[in-house]
C-alpha atoms as a PDB file:
ATOM      1  CA  MET A   1       0.000   0.000   0.000  1.00  0.00           C
ATOM      2  CA  VAL A   2       1.268   3.453  -0.908  1.00  0.00           C
ATOM      3  CA  THR A   3       1.058   6.186   1.712  1.00  0.00           C
ATOM      4  CA  CYS A   4      -0.271   9.337   0.030  1.00  0.00           C
ATOM      5  CA  HIS A   5      -1.207  12.812   1.134  1.00  0.00           C
ATOM      6  CA  PRO A   6      -4.822  14.083   0.831  1.00  0.00           C
ATOM      7  CA  VAL A   7      -4.000  15.425  -2.646  1.00  0.00           C
ATOM      8  CA  PRO A   8      -2.406  12.459  -4.411  1.00  0.00           C
ATOM      9  CA  CYS A   9       0.894  12.988  -6.139  1.00  0.00           C
ATOM     10  CA  ILE A  10       1.393  11.922  -9.743  1.00  0.00           C
ATOM     11  CA  PHE A  11       3.214   8.781  -8.603  1.00  0.00           C
ATOM     12  CA  CYS A  12       0.339   7.712  -6.354  1.00  0.00           C
ATOM     13  CA  SER A  13      -2.037   8.096  -9.289  1.00  0.00           C
ATOM     14  CA  ARG A  14       0.234   5.939 -11.471  1.00  0.00           C
ATOM     15  CA  LEU A  15       0.500   3.234  -8.813  1.00  0.00           C
ATOM     16  CA  ALA A  16      -3.278   3.038  -8.591  1.00  0.00           C
ATOM     17  CA  ASP A  17      -3.193   1.798 -12.215  1.00  0.00           C
ATOM     18  CA  GLY A  18      -1.321  -1.287 -11.006  1.00  0.00           C
ATOM     19  CA  ASN A  19       1.305  -1.483 -13.776  1.00  0.00           C
ATOM     20  CA  ILE A  20       4.161  -2.284 -11.420  1.00  0.00           C
ATOM     21  CA  VAL A  21       7.522  -3.485 -12.793  1.00  0.00           C
ATOM     22  CA  ALA A  22       9.146  -4.280  -9.423  1.00  0.00           C
ATOM     23  CA  GLU A  23       8.386  -3.641  -5.776  1.00  0.00           C
ATOM     24  CA  ASN A  24       9.392  -4.279  -2.213  1.00  0.00           C
ATOM     25  CA  GLY A  25       7.977  -3.165   1.115  1.00  0.00           C
ATOM     26  CA  LEU A  26       9.249   0.419   0.904  1.00  0.00           C
ATOM     27  CA  ALA A  27       9.630   1.192  -2.815  1.00  0.00           C
ATOM     28  CA  VAL A  28       8.050   0.524  -6.183  1.00  0.00           C
ATOM     29  CA  ALA A  29       9.048   0.785  -9.869  1.00  0.00           C
ATOM     30  CA  PHE A  30       6.839   1.362 -12.895  1.00  0.00           C
ATOM     31  CA  GLU A  31       7.213   2.440 -16.500  1.00  0.00           C
ATOM     32  CA  ASP A  32       7.280   6.174 -17.134  1.00  0.00           C
ATOM     33  CA  ALA A  33       4.089   7.517 -18.723  1.00  0.00           C
ATOM     34  CA  PHE A  34       6.202   9.633 -21.093  1.00  0.00           C
ATOM     35  CA  PRO A  35       9.346   7.537 -21.642  1.00  0.00           C
ATOM     36  CA  LEU A  36      12.535   9.088 -22.952  1.00  0.00           C
ATOM     37  CA  ASN A  37      13.605   5.638 -24.190  1.00  0.00           C
ATOM     38  CA  PRO A  38      11.833   2.280 -24.484  1.00  0.00           C
ATOM     39  CA  GLY A  39      11.582   0.739 -21.024  1.00  0.00           C
ATOM     40  CA  HIS A  40      12.145   4.042 -19.174  1.00  0.00           C
ATOM     41  CA  CYS A  41      11.092   3.315 -15.575  1.00  0.00           C
ATOM     42  CA  LEU A  42      10.746   5.304 -12.385  1.00  0.00           C
ATOM     43  CA  VAL A  43      11.706   3.918  -8.978  1.00  0.00           C
ATOM     44  CA  VAL A  44      10.037   5.744  -6.096  1.00  0.00           C
ATOM     45  CA  PRO A  45       9.543   5.260  -2.359  1.00  0.00           C
ATOM     46  CA  ARG A  46       6.094   4.129  -1.246  1.00  0.00           C
ATOM     47  CA  ARG A  47       5.948   7.033   1.196  1.00  0.00           C
ATOM     48  CA  ASP A  48       5.368  10.464  -0.320  1.00  0.00           C
ATOM     49  CA  GLU A  49       8.597  12.387   0.168  1.00  0.00           C
ATOM     50  CA  PRO A  50       9.859  14.808  -2.468  1.00  0.00           C
ATOM     51  CA  ASP A  51      13.439  14.810  -1.137  1.00  0.00           C
ATOM     52  CA  PHE A  52      15.316  11.519  -1.563  1.00  0.00           C
ATOM     53  CA  LEU A  53      17.814  12.511   1.134  1.00  0.00           C
ATOM     54  CA  ALA A  54      14.971  13.058   3.616  1.00  0.00           C
ATOM     55  CA  LEU A  55      13.989   9.380   3.328  1.00  0.00           C
ATOM     56  CA  ALA A  56      14.983   7.031   6.117  1.00  0.00           C
ATOM     57  CA  PRO A  57      18.102   4.980   5.322  1.00  0.00           C
ATOM     58  CA  GLU A  58      15.912   1.867   4.960  1.00  0.00           C
ATOM     59  CA  GLU A  59      13.728   3.654   2.380  1.00  0.00           C
ATOM     60  CA  GLN A  60      16.757   4.827   0.392  1.00  0.00           C
ATOM     61  CA  ALA A  61      18.138   1.275   0.411  1.00  0.00           C
ATOM     62  CA  ALA A  62      14.759  -0.081  -0.719  1.00  0.00           C
ATOM     63  CA  VAL A  63      14.751   2.275  -3.723  1.00  0.00           C
ATOM     64  CA  TRP A  64      18.292   1.234  -4.714  1.00  0.00           C
ATOM     65  CA  ALA A  65      17.430  -2.437  -4.175  1.00  0.00           C
ATOM     66  CA  LEU A  66      14.976  -2.255  -7.094  1.00  0.00           C
ATOM     67  CA  VAL A  67      17.470  -0.859  -9.608  1.00  0.00           C
ATOM     68  CA  GLU A  68      18.885  -4.275 -10.569  1.00  0.00           C
ATOM     69  CA  GLN A  69      15.386  -5.748 -10.991  1.00  0.00           C
ATOM     70  CA  VAL A  70      14.409  -2.859 -13.247  1.00  0.00           C
ATOM     71  CA  ARG A  71      17.620  -3.269 -15.282  1.00  0.00           C
ATOM     72  CA  ARG A  72      16.778  -6.941 -15.880  1.00  0.00           C
ATOM     73  CA  TYR A  73      13.215  -5.956 -16.879  1.00  0.00           C
ATOM     74  CA  ILE A  74      14.547  -3.431 -19.408  1.00  0.00           C
ATOM     75  CA  ASP A  75      17.181  -5.833 -20.749  1.00  0.00           C
ATOM     76  CA  ALA A  76      14.594  -8.590 -21.211  1.00  0.00           C
ATOM     77  CA  GLY A  77      12.092  -6.387 -23.018  1.00  0.00           C
ATOM     78  CA  TRP A  78      14.170  -3.977 -25.065  1.00  0.00           C
ATOM     79  CA  ARG A  79      17.807  -5.171 -25.152  1.00  0.00           C
ATOM     80  CA  PRO A  80      19.167  -1.616 -25.028  1.00  0.00           C
ATOM     81  CA  ARG A  81      22.418  -0.777 -26.743  1.00  0.00           C
ATOM     82  CA  ARG A  82      24.941   0.010 -24.063  1.00  0.00           C
ATOM     83  CA  PRO A  83      27.295   2.934 -24.587  1.00  0.00           C
ATOM     84  CA  PRO A  84      30.985   2.058 -24.678  1.00  0.00           C
ATOM     85  CA  THR A  85      32.672   2.096 -21.280  1.00  0.00           C
ATOM     86  CA  LEU A  86      36.121   3.265 -20.434  1.00  0.00           C
ATOM     87  CA  SER A  87      38.416   0.473 -19.342  1.00  0.00           C
ATOM     88  CA  SER A  88      42.097   0.315 -18.505  1.00  0.00           C
ATOM     89  CA  ARG A  89      42.727  -1.381 -21.865  1.00  0.00           C
ATOM     90  CA  SER A  90      41.252   1.482 -23.873  1.00  0.00           C
ATOM     91  CA  VAL A  91      43.244   4.240 -22.186  1.00  0.00           C
END
């Protein structure tokens, strides 16, 4: 269950639709309504808090814990082209 203020935020409205990509007890991920790229997802805390740094450490960890699940979701559905990375061999 998402904890929302009397005037729901845009994220609360999106979560009511139920199109959840990944979730845990303190955070949830869903596809962006206006994606910049195929598979563009948002990962947000379940508690309404506009400032990430104001979240409790457990809530921040819960948000980060979903990142790998969302990456696998994007890789499985869209196989994005990864930009080249800098390695010690290419320097």
